Amino acid sequence: MSYLFYRFYRAALFLRKGVDPEIRAWIVFSIAQGINLYTLQQLYYSMNSINKKTIPDYIVILIGLAICVINYFLFLYKDRFKMITKKYDNESKSARIRGIIIGFVYVLVSISLAFYAKHLQFS
């Protein structure tokens, strides 16, 4: 999980220097995890033929806040992102390329599965 955060952090640095890339990485990583939970929920509903298509808004908000708070303490609290970047900054070029591919595939699969799971709930 810390490696995926690192990949998001590096992408945030690449896209725009400065302006707190660790905050942007934290936000994007939290959103990605929220999408993954939504996908699991939709797949569960589809596989069990549950008619309830959505959960209450307040539950969604609480889950989103919980994800953000947990990720804050895992990655940002007391500058923990600095330890993560130190750990992975010395990776070889092949490991870096592999990491970029892993991060890209993670995002692509997460989004694809979310659309697929959303489609399943109507069948």
PDB file of N, CA and C in Angstrom:
ATOM      1  N   MET A   1       0.819  -1.178   0.000  1.00  0.00           N
ATOM      2  CA  MET A   1       0.000   0.000   0.000  1.00  0.00           C
ATOM      3  C   MET A   1       0.875   1.258   0.000  1.00  0.00           C
ATOM      4  N   SER A   2       1.977   1.223   0.734  1.00  0.00           N
ATOM      5  CA  SER A   2       2.846   2.396   0.750  1.00  0.00           C
ATOM      6  C   SER A   2       3.495   2.612  -0.613  1.00  0.00           C
ATOM      7  N   TYR A   3       3.731   1.512  -1.350  1.00  0.00           N
ATOM      8  CA  TYR A   3       4.333   1.677  -2.669  1.00  0.00           C
ATOM      9  C   TYR A   3       3.363   2.353  -3.638  1.00  0.00           C
ATOM     10  N   LEU A   4       2.096   2.010  -3.569  1.00  0.00           N
ATOM     11  CA  LEU A   4       1.111   2.681  -4.424  1.00  0.00           C
ATOM     12  C   LEU A   4       1.007   4.162  -4.058  1.00  0.00           C
ATOM     13  N   PHE A   5       1.044   4.462  -2.769  1.00  0.00           N
ATOM     14  CA  PHE A   5       1.051   5.869  -2.364  1.00  0.00           C
ATOM     15  C   PHE A   5       2.276   6.561  -2.940  1.00  0.00           C
ATOM     16  N   TYR A   6       3.422   5.905  -2.875  1.00  0.00           N
ATOM     17  CA  TYR A   6       4.650   6.473  -3.430  1.00  0.00           C
ATOM     18  C   TYR A   6       4.493   6.749  -4.927  1.00  0.00           C
ATOM     19  N   ARG A   7       3.876   5.823  -5.655  1.00  0.00           N
ATOM     20  CA  ARG A   7       3.690   6.016  -7.102  1.00  0.00           C
ATOM     21  C   ARG A   7       2.779   7.216  -7.352  1.00  0.00           C
ATOM     22  N   PHE A   8       1.721   7.374  -6.564  1.00  0.00           N
ATOM     23  CA  PHE A   8       0.850   8.541  -6.696  1.00  0.00           C
ATOM     24  C   PHE A   8       1.606   9.821  -6.338  1.00  0.00           C
ATOM     25  N   TYR A   9       2.450   9.743  -5.341  1.00  0.00           N
ATOM     26  CA  TYR A   9       3.266  10.895  -4.943  1.00  0.00           C
ATOM     27  C   TYR A   9       4.199  11.303  -6.075  1.00  0.00           C
ATOM     28  N   ARG A  10       4.865  10.324  -6.669  1.00  0.00           N
ATOM     29  CA  ARG A  10       5.780  10.616  -7.778  1.00  0.00           C
ATOM     30  C   ARG A  10       5.012  11.188  -8.967  1.00  0.00           C
ATOM     31  N   ALA A  11       3.826  10.692  -9.239  1.00  0.00           N
ATOM     32  CA  ALA A  11       3.005  11.223 -10.326  1.00  0.00           C
ATOM     33  C   ALA A  11       2.612  12.671 -10.030  1.00  0.00           C
ATOM     34  N   ALA A  12       2.292  12.962  -8.768  1.00  0.00           N
ATOM     35  CA  ALA A  12       1.937  14.328  -8.389  1.00  0.00           C
ATOM     36  C   ALA A  12       3.132  15.265  -8.562  1.00  0.00           C
ATOM     37  N   LEU A  13       4.320  14.779  -8.244  1.00  0.00           N
ATOM     38  CA  LEU A  13       5.529  15.581  -8.459  1.00  0.00           C
ATOM     39  C   LEU A  13       5.771  15.818  -9.942  1.00  0.00           C
ATOM     40  N   PHE A  14       5.548  14.796 -10.741  1.00  0.00           N
ATOM     41  CA  PHE A  14       5.785  14.885 -12.173  1.00  0.00           C
ATOM     42  C   PHE A  14       4.809  15.845 -12.843  1.00  0.00           C
ATOM     43  N   LEU A  15       3.552  15.783 -12.438  1.00  0.00           N
ATOM     44  CA  LEU A  15       2.531  16.595 -13.083  1.00  0.00           C
ATOM     45  C   LEU A  15       2.661  18.073 -12.755  1.00  0.00           C
ATOM     46  N   ARG A  16       3.047  18.370 -11.514  1.00  0.00           N
ATOM     47  CA  ARG A  16       3.178  19.772 -11.118  1.00  0.00           C
ATOM     48  C   ARG A  16       4.102  19.848  -9.916  1.00  0.00           C
ATOM     49  N   LYS A  17       5.187  20.502 -10.084  1.00  0.00           N
ATOM     50  CA  LYS A  17       6.166  20.621  -9.001  1.00  0.00           C
ATOM     51  C   LYS A  17       5.610  21.523  -7.893  1.00  0.00           C
ATOM     52  N   GLY A  18       6.023  21.233  -6.659  1.00  0.00           N
ATOM     53  CA  GLY A  18       5.586  22.034  -5.528  1.00  0.00           C
ATOM     54  C   GLY A  18       4.134  21.773  -5.157  1.00  0.00           C
ATOM     55  N   VAL A  19       3.528  22.724  -4.485  1.00  0.00           N
ATOM     56  CA  VAL A  19       2.123  22.701  -4.091  1.00  0.00           C
ATOM     57  C   VAL A  19       1.736  21.380  -3.432  1.00  0.00           C
ATOM     58  N   ASP A  20       2.495  20.963  -2.472  1.00  0.00           N
ATOM     59  CA  ASP A  20       2.176  19.803  -1.636  1.00  0.00           C
ATOM     60  C   ASP A  20       1.777  18.544  -2.414  1.00  0.00           C
ATOM     61  N   PRO A  21       2.705  17.906  -3.087  1.00  0.00           N
ATOM     62  CA  PRO A  21       2.365  16.695  -3.831  1.00  0.00           C
ATOM     63  C   PRO A  21       1.888  15.557  -2.920  1.00  0.00           C
ATOM     64  N   GLU A  22       2.329  15.576  -1.663  1.00  0.00           N
ATOM     65  CA  GLU A  22       1.891  14.524  -0.747  1.00  0.00           C
ATOM     66  C   GLU A  22       0.394  14.640  -0.450  1.00  0.00           C
ATOM     67  N   ILE A  23      -0.118  15.864  -0.416  1.00  0.00           N
ATOM     68  CA  ILE A  23      -1.553  16.065  -0.197  1.00  0.00           C
ATOM     69  C   ILE A  23      -2.337  15.569  -1.409  1.00  0.00           C
ATOM     70  N   ARG A  24      -1.861  15.911  -2.599  1.00  0.00           N
ATOM     71  CA  ARG A  24      -2.544  15.448  -3.809  1.00  0.00           C
ATOM     72  C   ARG A  24      -2.506  13.932  -3.913  1.00  0.00           C
ATOM     73  N   ALA A  25      -1.372  13.332  -3.565  1.00  0.00           N
ATOM     74  CA  ALA A  25      -1.262  11.866  -3.600  1.00  0.00           C
ATOM     75  C   ALA A  25      -2.226  11.238  -2.593  1.00  0.00           C
ATOM     76  N   TRP A  26      -2.326  11.831  -1.409  1.00  0.00           N
ATOM     77  CA  TRP A  26      -3.235  11.337  -0.369  1.00  0.00           C
ATOM     78  C   TRP A  26      -4.688  11.394  -0.854  1.00  0.00           C
ATOM     79  N   ILE A  27      -5.066  12.502  -1.487  1.00  0.00           N
ATOM     80  CA  ILE A  27      -6.441  12.652  -1.976  1.00  0.00           C
ATOM     81  C   ILE A  27      -6.741  11.636  -3.070  1.00  0.00           C
ATOM     82  N   VAL A  28      -5.844  11.527  -4.054  1.00  0.00           N
ATOM     83  CA  VAL A  28      -6.072  10.605  -5.171  1.00  0.00           C
ATOM     84  C   VAL A  28      -6.080   9.159  -4.683  1.00  0.00           C
ATOM     85  N   PHE A  29      -5.169   8.826  -3.775  1.00  0.00           N
ATOM     86  CA  PHE A  29      -5.118   7.464  -3.248  1.00  0.00           C
ATOM     87  C   PHE A  29      -6.385   7.131  -2.470  1.00  0.00           C
ATOM     88  N   SER A  30      -6.878   8.082  -1.685  1.00  0.00           N
ATOM     89  CA  SER A  30      -8.116   7.871  -0.930  1.00  0.00           C
ATOM     90  C   SER A  30      -9.309   7.699  -1.866  1.00  0.00           C
ATOM     91  N   ILE A  31      -9.356   8.483  -2.935  1.00  0.00           N
ATOM     92  CA  ILE A  31     -10.438   8.349  -3.915  1.00  0.00           C
ATOM     93  C   ILE A  31     -10.369   6.978  -4.581  1.00  0.00           C
ATOM     94  N   ALA A  32      -9.162   6.544  -4.929  1.00  0.00           N
ATOM     95  CA  ALA A  32      -9.002   5.227  -5.563  1.00  0.00           C
ATOM     96  C   ALA A  32      -9.498   4.120  -4.630  1.00  0.00           C
ATOM     97  N   GLN A  33      -9.190   4.216  -3.353  1.00  0.00           N
ATOM     98  CA  GLN A  33      -9.669   3.220  -2.405  1.00  0.00           C
ATOM     99  C   GLN A  33     -11.189   3.283  -2.256  1.00  0.00           C
ATOM    100  N   GLY A  34     -11.739   4.483  -2.290  1.00  0.00           N
ATOM    101  CA  GLY A  34     -13.193   4.624  -2.240  1.00  0.00           C
ATOM    102  C   GLY A  34     -13.856   3.975  -3.443  1.00  0.00           C
ATOM    103  N   ILE A  35     -13.255   4.154  -4.618  1.00  0.00           N
ATOM    104  CA  ILE A  35     -13.774   3.505  -5.826  1.00  0.00           C
ATOM    105  C   ILE A  35     -13.713   1.989  -5.672  1.00  0.00           C
ATOM    106  N   ASN A  36     -12.634   1.488  -5.100  1.00  0.00           N
ATOM    107  CA  ASN A  36     -12.506   0.042  -4.898  1.00  0.00           C
ATOM    108  C   ASN A  36     -13.584  -0.485  -3.945  1.00  0.00           C
ATOM    109  N   LEU A  37     -13.866   0.244  -2.889  1.00  0.00           N
ATOM    110  CA  LEU A  37     -14.931  -0.188  -1.966  1.00  0.00           C
ATOM    111  C   LEU A  37     -16.297  -0.139  -2.634  1.00  0.00           C
ATOM    112  N   TYR A  38     -16.530   0.890  -3.424  1.00  0.00           N
ATOM    113  CA  TYR A  38     -17.786   0.981  -4.170  1.00  0.00           C
ATOM    114  C   TYR A  38     -17.930  -0.222  -5.109  1.00  0.00           C
ATOM    115  N   THR A  39     -16.849  -0.576  -5.776  1.00  0.00           N
ATOM    116  CA  THR A  39     -16.867  -1.714  -6.695  1.00  0.00           C
ATOM    117  C   THR A  39     -17.199  -2.994  -5.950  1.00  0.00           C
ATOM    118  N   LEU A  40     -16.575  -3.201  -4.806  1.00  0.00           N
ATOM    119  CA  LEU A  40     -16.876  -4.400  -4.012  1.00  0.00           C
ATOM    120  C   LEU A  40     -18.334  -4.438  -3.588  1.00  0.00           C
ATOM    121  N   GLN A  41     -18.867  -3.294  -3.191  1.00  0.00           N
ATOM    122  CA  GLN A  41     -20.265  -3.220  -2.792  1.00  0.00           C
ATOM    123  C   GLN A  41     -21.170  -3.581  -3.961  1.00  0.00           C
ATOM    124  N   GLN A  42     -20.910  -3.032  -5.127  1.00  0.00           N
ATOM    125  CA  GLN A  42     -21.744  -3.312  -6.296  1.00  0.00           C
ATOM    126  C   GLN A  42     -21.630  -4.773  -6.724  1.00  0.00           C
ATOM    127  N   LEU A  43     -20.434  -5.328  -6.669  1.00  0.00           N
ATOM    128  CA  LEU A  43     -20.263  -6.746  -7.004  1.00  0.00           C
ATOM    129  C   LEU A  43     -21.015  -7.634  -6.014  1.00  0.00           C
ATOM    130  N   TYR A  44     -20.965  -7.278  -4.732  1.00  0.00           N
ATOM    131  CA  TYR A  44     -21.694  -8.033  -3.707  1.00  0.00           C
ATOM    132  C   TYR A  44     -23.189  -8.003  -3.989  1.00  0.00           C
ATOM    133  N   TYR A  45     -23.723  -6.817  -4.278  1.00  0.00           N
ATOM    134  CA  TYR A  45     -25.144  -6.695  -4.587  1.00  0.00           C
ATOM    135  C   TYR A  45     -25.515  -7.539  -5.801  1.00  0.00           C
ATOM    136  N   SER A  46     -24.685  -7.504  -6.828  1.00  0.00           N
ATOM    137  CA  SER A  46     -24.976  -8.243  -8.058  1.00  0.00           C
ATOM    138  C   SER A  46     -24.929  -9.752  -7.847  1.00  0.00           C
ATOM    139  N   MET A  47     -23.923 -10.215  -7.133  1.00  0.00           N
ATOM    140  CA  MET A  47     -23.763 -11.658  -6.940  1.00  0.00           C
ATOM    141  C   MET A  47     -24.823 -12.248  -6.024  1.00  0.00           C
ATOM    142  N   ASN A  48     -25.346 -11.445  -5.116  1.00  0.00           N
ATOM    143  CA  ASN A  48     -26.338 -11.938  -4.173  1.00  0.00           C
ATOM    144  C   ASN A  48     -27.753 -11.511  -4.521  1.00  0.00           C
ATOM    145  N   SER A  49     -27.930 -10.938  -5.685  1.00  0.00           N
ATOM    146  CA  SER A  49     -29.249 -10.514  -6.174  1.00  0.00           C
ATOM    147  C   SER A  49     -29.983  -9.660  -5.154  1.00  0.00           C
ATOM    148  N   ILE A  50     -29.274  -8.745  -4.545  1.00  0.00           N
ATOM    149  CA  ILE A  50     -29.871  -7.826  -3.579  1.00  0.00           C
ATOM    150  C   ILE A  50     -30.454  -6.652  -4.358  1.00  0.00           C
ATOM    151  N   ASN A  51     -31.698  -6.323  -4.092  1.00  0.00           N
ATOM    152  CA  ASN A  51     -32.360  -5.247  -4.826  1.00  0.00           C
ATOM    153  C   ASN A  51     -31.890  -3.868  -4.397  1.00  0.00           C
ATOM    154  N   LYS A  52     -31.407  -3.759  -3.191  1.00  0.00           N
ATOM    155  CA  LYS A  52     -30.950  -2.464  -2.715  1.00  0.00           C
ATOM    156  C   LYS A  52     -29.715  -2.059  -3.515  1.00  0.00           C
ATOM    157  N   LYS A  53     -29.844  -0.996  -4.285  1.00  0.00           N
ATOM    158  CA  LYS A  53     -28.774  -0.598  -5.192  1.00  0.00           C
ATOM    159  C   LYS A  53     -27.775   0.370  -4.555  1.00  0.00           C
ATOM    160  N   THR A  54     -28.174   1.079  -3.548  1.00  0.00           N
ATOM    161  CA  THR A  54     -27.283   2.057  -2.939  1.00  0.00           C
ATOM    162  C   THR A  54     -27.352   1.950  -1.421  1.00  0.00           C
ATOM    163  N   ILE A  55     -26.347   2.476  -0.797  1.00  0.00           N
ATOM    164  CA  ILE A  55     -26.349   2.576   0.655  1.00  0.00           C
ATOM    165  C   ILE A  55     -26.647   4.032   1.011  1.00  0.00           C
ATOM    166  N   PRO A  56     -27.108   4.298   2.217  1.00  0.00           N
ATOM    167  CA  PRO A  56     -27.457   5.677   2.594  1.00  0.00           C
ATOM    168  C   PRO A  56     -26.267   6.627   2.439  1.00  0.00           C
ATOM    169  N   ASP A  57     -26.581   7.879   2.110  1.00  0.00           N
ATOM    170  CA  ASP A  57     -25.537   8.880   1.869  1.00  0.00           C
ATOM    171  C   ASP A  57     -24.636   9.087   3.088  1.00  0.00           C
ATOM    172  N   TYR A  58     -25.215   9.065   4.272  1.00  0.00           N
ATOM    173  CA  TYR A  58     -24.392   9.301   5.456  1.00  0.00           C
ATOM    174  C   TYR A  58     -23.370   8.183   5.664  1.00  0.00           C
ATOM    175  N   ILE A  59     -23.704   6.962   5.281  1.00  0.00           N
ATOM    176  CA  ILE A  59     -22.749   5.847   5.382  1.00  0.00           C
ATOM    177  C   ILE A  59     -21.609   6.048   4.390  1.00  0.00           C
ATOM    178  N   VAL A  60     -21.945   6.462   3.185  1.00  0.00           N
ATOM    179  CA  VAL A  60     -20.923   6.726   2.160  1.00  0.00           C
ATOM    180  C   VAL A  60     -19.970   7.817   2.648  1.00  0.00           C
ATOM    181  N   ILE A  61     -20.527   8.864   3.228  1.00  0.00           N
ATOM    182  CA  ILE A  61     -19.703   9.965   3.738  1.00  0.00           C
ATOM    183  C   ILE A  61     -18.818   9.477   4.882  1.00  0.00           C
ATOM    184  N   LEU A  62     -19.362   8.693   5.801  1.00  0.00           N
ATOM    185  CA  LEU A  62     -18.566   8.169   6.914  1.00  0.00           C
ATOM    186  C   LEU A  62     -17.441   7.252   6.430  1.00  0.00           C
ATOM    187  N   ILE A  63     -17.733   6.416   5.450  1.00  0.00           N
ATOM    188  CA  ILE A  63     -16.701   5.532   4.910  1.00  0.00           C
ATOM    189  C   ILE A  63     -15.619   6.355   4.223  1.00  0.00           C
ATOM    190  N   GLY A  64     -16.021   7.354   3.450  1.00  0.00           N
ATOM    191  CA  GLY A  64     -15.051   8.232   2.796  1.00  0.00           C
ATOM    192  C   GLY A  64     -14.169   8.960   3.791  1.00  0.00           C
ATOM    193  N   LEU A  65     -14.782   9.472   4.845  1.00  0.00           N
ATOM    194  CA  LEU A  65     -14.005  10.149   5.888  1.00  0.00           C
ATOM    195  C   LEU A  65     -13.064   9.176   6.603  1.00  0.00           C
ATOM    196  N   ALA A  66     -13.539   7.966   6.848  1.00  0.00           N
ATOM    197  CA  ALA A  66     -12.687   6.964   7.499  1.00  0.00           C
ATOM    198  C   ALA A  66     -11.477   6.627   6.632  1.00  0.00           C
ATOM    199  N   ILE A  67     -11.699   6.476   5.334  1.00  0.00           N
ATOM    200  CA  ILE A  67     -10.584   6.201   4.424  1.00  0.00           C
ATOM    201  C   ILE A  67      -9.575   7.345   4.464  1.00  0.00           C
ATOM    202  N   CYS A  68     -10.072   8.572   4.400  1.00  0.00           N
ATOM    203  CA  CYS A  68      -9.177   9.739   4.422  1.00  0.00           C
ATOM    204  C   CYS A  68      -8.396   9.828   5.729  1.00  0.00           C
ATOM    205  N   VAL A  69      -9.065   9.603   6.846  1.00  0.00           N
ATOM    206  CA  VAL A  69      -8.399   9.695   8.147  1.00  0.00           C
ATOM    207  C   VAL A  69      -7.343   8.598   8.299  1.00  0.00           C
ATOM    208  N   ILE A  70      -7.703   7.386   7.933  1.00  0.00           N
ATOM    209  CA  ILE A  70      -6.744   6.275   8.023  1.00  0.00           C
ATOM    210  C   ILE A  70      -5.533   6.552   7.140  1.00  0.00           C
ATOM    211  N   ASN A  71      -5.777   6.987   5.900  1.00  0.00           N
ATOM    212  CA  ASN A  71      -4.666   7.286   5.004  1.00  0.00           C
ATOM    213  C   ASN A  71      -3.838   8.466   5.496  1.00  0.00           C
ATOM    214  N   TYR A  72      -4.481   9.434   6.129  1.00  0.00           N
ATOM    215  CA  TYR A  72      -3.738  10.555   6.696  1.00  0.00           C
ATOM    216  C   TYR A  72      -2.722  10.051   7.723  1.00  0.00           C
ATOM    217  N   PHE A  73      -3.180   9.197   8.624  1.00  0.00           N
ATOM    218  CA  PHE A  73      -2.278   8.700   9.655  1.00  0.00           C
ATOM    219  C   PHE A  73      -1.235   7.725   9.098  1.00  0.00           C
ATOM    220  N   LEU A  74      -1.574   7.019   8.035  1.00  0.00           N
ATOM    221  CA  LEU A  74      -0.604   6.101   7.428  1.00  0.00           C
ATOM    222  C   LEU A  74       0.477   6.828   6.635  1.00  0.00           C
ATOM    223  N   PHE A  75       0.109   7.930   5.971  1.00  0.00           N
ATOM    224  CA  PHE A  75       1.030   8.528   5.016  1.00  0.00           C
ATOM    225  C   PHE A  75       1.468   9.959   5.326  1.00  0.00           C
ATOM    226  N   LEU A  76       0.664  10.753   5.990  1.00  0.00           N
ATOM    227  CA  LEU A  76       0.990  12.168   6.172  1.00  0.00           C
ATOM    228  C   LEU A  76       1.369  12.550   7.599  1.00  0.00           C
ATOM    229  N   TYR A  77       0.772  11.912   8.575  1.00  0.00           N
ATOM    230  CA  TYR A  77       1.005  12.263   9.971  1.00  0.00           C
ATOM    231  C   TYR A  77       2.489  12.171  10.300  1.00  0.00           C
ATOM    232  N   LYS A  78       3.015  13.207  10.901  1.00  0.00           N
ATOM    233  CA  LYS A  78       4.433  13.298  11.269  1.00  0.00           C
ATOM    234  C   LYS A  78       5.342  13.034  10.068  1.00  0.00           C
ATOM    235  N   ASP A  79       4.930  13.535   8.914  1.00  0.00           N
ATOM    236  CA  ASP A  79       5.728  13.438   7.679  1.00  0.00           C
ATOM    237  C   ASP A  79       6.149  12.017   7.328  1.00  0.00           C
ATOM    238  N   ARG A  80       5.262  11.085   7.502  1.00  0.00           N
ATOM    239  CA  ARG A  80       5.578   9.689   7.179  1.00  0.00           C
ATOM    240  C   ARG A  80       5.854   9.490   5.698  1.00  0.00           C
ATOM    241  N   PHE A  81       5.306  10.381   4.859  1.00  0.00           N
ATOM    242  CA  PHE A  81       5.568  10.256   3.428  1.00  0.00           C
ATOM    243  C   PHE A  81       7.056  10.412   3.121  1.00  0.00           C
ATOM    244  N   LYS A  82       7.772  11.137   3.971  1.00  0.00           N
ATOM    245  CA  LYS A  82       9.218  11.294   3.762  1.00  0.00           C
ATOM    246  C   LYS A  82       9.949   9.968   3.956  1.00  0.00           C
ATOM    247  N   MET A  83       9.515   9.177   4.931  1.00  0.00           N
ATOM    248  CA  MET A  83      10.121   7.849   5.126  1.00  0.00           C
ATOM    249  C   MET A  83       9.799   6.946   3.936  1.00  0.00           C
ATOM    250  N   ILE A  84       8.588   7.064   3.425  1.00  0.00           N
ATOM    251  CA  ILE A  84       8.198   6.249   2.277  1.00  0.00           C
ATOM    252  C   ILE A  84       9.018   6.634   1.059  1.00  0.00           C
ATOM    253  N   THR A  85       9.195   7.932   0.834  1.00  0.00           N
ATOM    254  CA  THR A  85       9.978   8.348  -0.332  1.00  0.00           C
ATOM    255  C   THR A  85      11.439   7.949  -0.193  1.00  0.00           C
ATOM    256  N   LYS A  86      11.988   8.018   1.007  1.00  0.00           N
ATOM    257  CA  LYS A  86      13.371   7.566   1.210  1.00  0.00           C
ATOM    258  C   LYS A  86      13.510   6.078   0.892  1.00  0.00           C
ATOM    259  N   LYS A  87      12.505   5.328   1.281  1.00  0.00           N
ATOM    260  CA  LYS A  87      12.542   3.880   1.074  1.00  0.00           C
ATOM    261  C   LYS A  87      12.570   3.524  -0.410  1.00  0.00           C
ATOM    262  N   TYR A  88      11.804   4.258  -1.225  1.00  0.00           N
ATOM    263  CA  TYR A  88      11.645   3.877  -2.624  1.00  0.00           C
ATOM    264  C   TYR A  88      12.410   4.758  -3.611  1.00  0.00           C
ATOM    265  N   ASP A  89      12.995   5.857  -3.173  1.00  0.00           N
ATOM    266  CA  ASP A  89      13.691   6.755  -4.098  1.00  0.00           C
ATOM    267  C   ASP A  89      14.898   6.121  -4.778  1.00  0.00           C
ATOM    268  N   ASN A  90      15.503   5.136  -4.171  1.00  0.00           N
ATOM    269  CA  ASN A  90      16.709   4.529  -4.728  1.00  0.00           C
ATOM    270  C   ASN A  90      16.432   3.305  -5.584  1.00  0.00           C
ATOM    271  N   GLU A  91      15.212   3.160  -6.073  1.00  0.00           N
ATOM    272  CA  GLU A  91      14.905   1.995  -6.885  1.00  0.00           C
ATOM    273  C   GLU A  91      15.589   2.107  -8.248  1.00  0.00           C
ATOM    274  N   SER A  92      15.885   0.978  -8.827  1.00  0.00           N
ATOM    275  CA  SER A  92      16.548   0.950 -10.128  1.00  0.00           C
ATOM    276  C   SER A  92      15.592   1.429 -11.213  1.00  0.00           C
ATOM    277  N   LYS A  93      16.154   1.678 -12.388  1.00  0.00           N
ATOM    278  CA  LYS A  93      15.331   2.155 -13.494  1.00  0.00           C
ATOM    279  C   LYS A  93      14.275   1.113 -13.877  1.00  0.00           C
ATOM    280  N   SER A  94      14.659  -0.156 -13.904  1.00  0.00           N
ATOM    281  CA  SER A  94      13.690  -1.199 -14.263  1.00  0.00           C
ATOM    282  C   SER A  94      12.599  -1.313 -13.195  1.00  0.00           C
ATOM    283  N   ALA A  95      12.970  -1.173 -11.928  1.00  0.00           N
ATOM    284  CA  ALA A  95      11.972  -1.212 -10.855  1.00  0.00           C
ATOM    285  C   ALA A  95      11.048  -0.005 -10.946  1.00  0.00           C
ATOM    286  N   ARG A  96      11.595   1.150 -11.311  1.00  0.00           N
ATOM    287  CA  ARG A  96      10.776   2.357 -11.457  1.00  0.00           C
ATOM    288  C   ARG A  96       9.769   2.189 -12.599  1.00  0.00           C
ATOM    289  N   ILE A  97      10.229   1.647 -13.719  1.00  0.00           N
ATOM    290  CA  ILE A  97       9.329   1.423 -14.858  1.00  0.00           C
ATOM    291  C   ILE A  97       8.247   0.416 -14.483  1.00  0.00           C
ATOM    292  N   ARG A  98       8.648  -0.647 -13.794  1.00  0.00           N
ATOM    293  CA  ARG A  98       7.685  -1.651 -13.333  1.00  0.00           C
ATOM    294  C   ARG A  98       6.676  -1.013 -12.377  1.00  0.00           C
ATOM    295  N   GLY A  99       7.137  -0.132 -11.509  1.00  0.00           N
ATOM    296  CA  GLY A  99       6.250   0.560 -10.573  1.00  0.00           C
ATOM    297  C   GLY A  99       5.271   1.483 -11.267  1.00  0.00           C
ATOM    298  N   ILE A 100       5.742   2.174 -12.295  1.00  0.00           N
ATOM    299  CA  ILE A 100       4.852   3.042 -13.069  1.00  0.00           C
ATOM    300  C   ILE A 100       3.765   2.207 -13.728  1.00  0.00           C
ATOM    301  N   ILE A 101       4.163   1.065 -14.277  1.00  0.00           N
ATOM    302  CA  ILE A 101       3.180   0.174 -14.917  1.00  0.00           C
ATOM    303  C   ILE A 101       2.192  -0.354 -13.889  1.00  0.00           C
ATOM    304  N   ILE A 102       2.679  -0.738 -12.715  1.00  0.00           N
ATOM    305  CA  ILE A 102       1.804  -1.239 -11.646  1.00  0.00           C
ATOM    306  C   ILE A 102       0.792  -0.166 -11.239  1.00  0.00           C
ATOM    307  N   GLY A 103       1.261   1.055 -11.057  1.00  0.00           N
ATOM    308  CA  GLY A 103       0.358   2.147 -10.689  1.00  0.00           C
ATOM    309  C   GLY A 103      -0.684   2.414 -11.757  1.00  0.00           C
ATOM    310  N   PHE A 104      -0.248   2.424 -13.015  1.00  0.00           N
ATOM    311  CA  PHE A 104      -1.171   2.651 -14.130  1.00  0.00           C
ATOM    312  C   PHE A 104      -2.203   1.530 -14.219  1.00  0.00           C
ATOM    313  N   VAL A 105      -1.749   0.285 -14.090  1.00  0.00           N
ATOM    314  CA  VAL A 105      -2.660  -0.860 -14.162  1.00  0.00           C
ATOM    315  C   VAL A 105      -3.650  -0.823 -12.994  1.00  0.00           C
ATOM    316  N   TYR A 106      -3.184  -0.456 -11.806  1.00  0.00           N
ATOM    317  CA  TYR A 106      -4.067  -0.357 -10.640  1.00  0.00           C
ATOM    318  C   TYR A 106      -5.199   0.628 -10.907  1.00  0.00           C
ATOM    319  N   VAL A 107      -4.859   1.799 -11.410  1.00  0.00           N
ATOM    320  CA  VAL A 107      -5.879   2.815 -11.690  1.00  0.00           C
ATOM    321  C   VAL A 107      -6.810   2.339 -12.795  1.00  0.00           C
ATOM    322  N   LEU A 108      -6.248   1.798 -13.857  1.00  0.00           N
ATOM    323  CA  LEU A 108      -7.054   1.330 -14.991  1.00  0.00           C
ATOM    324  C   LEU A 108      -7.996   0.206 -14.581  1.00  0.00           C
ATOM    325  N   VAL A 109      -7.498  -0.769 -13.832  1.00  0.00           N
ATOM    326  CA  VAL A 109      -8.336  -1.891 -13.393  1.00  0.00           C
ATOM    327  C   VAL A 109      -9.404  -1.408 -12.404  1.00  0.00           C
ATOM    328  N   SER A 110      -9.039  -0.507 -11.503  1.00  0.00           N
ATOM    329  CA  SER A 110     -10.019   0.017 -10.538  1.00  0.00           C
ATOM    330  C   SER A 110     -11.177   0.705 -11.243  1.00  0.00           C
ATOM    331  N   ILE A 111     -10.867   1.552 -12.193  1.00  0.00           N
ATOM    332  CA  ILE A 111     -11.912   2.277 -12.910  1.00  0.00           C
ATOM    333  C   ILE A 111     -12.732   1.324 -13.781  1.00  0.00           C
ATOM    334  N   SER A 112     -12.055   0.412 -14.462  1.00  0.00           N
ATOM    335  CA  SER A 112     -12.757  -0.552 -15.324  1.00  0.00           C
ATOM    336  C   SER A 112     -13.702  -1.432 -14.512  1.00  0.00           C
ATOM    337  N   LEU A 113     -13.228  -1.929 -13.377  1.00  0.00           N
ATOM    338  CA  LEU A 113     -14.080  -2.773 -12.532  1.00  0.00           C
ATOM    339  C   LEU A 113     -15.256  -1.994 -11.952  1.00  0.00           C
ATOM    340  N   ALA A 114     -15.039  -0.717 -11.653  1.00  0.00           N
ATOM    341  CA  ALA A 114     -16.143   0.100 -11.136  1.00  0.00           C
ATOM    342  C   ALA A 114     -17.244   0.228 -12.182  1.00  0.00           C
ATOM    343  N   PHE A 115     -16.869   0.485 -13.434  1.00  0.00           N
ATOM    344  CA  PHE A 115     -17.874   0.563 -14.502  1.00  0.00           C
ATOM    345  C   PHE A 115     -18.535  -0.788 -14.735  1.00  0.00           C
ATOM    346  N   TYR A 116     -17.753  -1.849 -14.700  1.00  0.00           N
ATOM    347  CA  TYR A 116     -18.290  -3.188 -14.886  1.00  0.00           C
ATOM    348  C   TYR A 116     -19.279  -3.534 -13.769  1.00  0.00           C
ATOM    349  N   ALA A 117     -18.877  -3.246 -12.527  1.00  0.00           N
ATOM    350  CA  ALA A 117     -19.759  -3.556 -11.390  1.00  0.00           C
ATOM    351  C   ALA A 117     -21.038  -2.718 -11.449  1.00  0.00           C
ATOM    352  N   LYS A 118     -20.927  -1.494 -11.866  1.00  0.00           N
ATOM    353  CA  LYS A 118     -22.119  -0.642 -11.989  1.00  0.00           C
ATOM    354  C   LYS A 118     -23.056  -1.195 -13.041  1.00  0.00           C
ATOM    355  N   HIS A 119     -22.493  -1.701 -14.123  1.00  0.00           N
ATOM    356  CA  HIS A 119     -23.299  -2.289 -15.188  1.00  0.00           C
ATOM    357  C   HIS A 119     -23.994  -3.561 -14.704  1.00  0.00           C
ATOM    358  N   LEU A 120     -23.321  -4.345 -13.892  1.00  0.00           N
ATOM    359  CA  LEU A 120     -23.889  -5.608 -13.407  1.00  0.00           C
ATOM    360  C   LEU A 120     -25.140  -5.402 -12.563  1.00  0.00           C
ATOM    361  N   GLN A 121     -25.225  -4.303 -11.848  1.00  0.00           N
ATOM    362  CA  GLN A 121     -26.363  -4.134 -10.950  1.00  0.00           C
ATOM    363  C   GLN A 121     -27.677  -3.999 -11.708  1.00  0.00           C
ATOM    364  N   PHE A 122     -27.636  -3.702 -13.000  1.00  0.00           N
ATOM    365  CA  PHE A 122     -28.858  -3.571 -13.780  1.00  0.00           C
ATOM    366  C   PHE A 122     -29.270  -4.860 -14.460  1.00  0.00           C
ATOM    367  N   SER A 123     -28.428  -5.891 -14.382  1.00  0.00           N
ATOM    368  CA  SER A 123     -28.767  -7.125 -15.089  1.00  0.00           C
ATOM    369  C   SER A 123     -29.531  -8.097 -14.231  1.00  0.00           C
TER     370      SER A 123
END
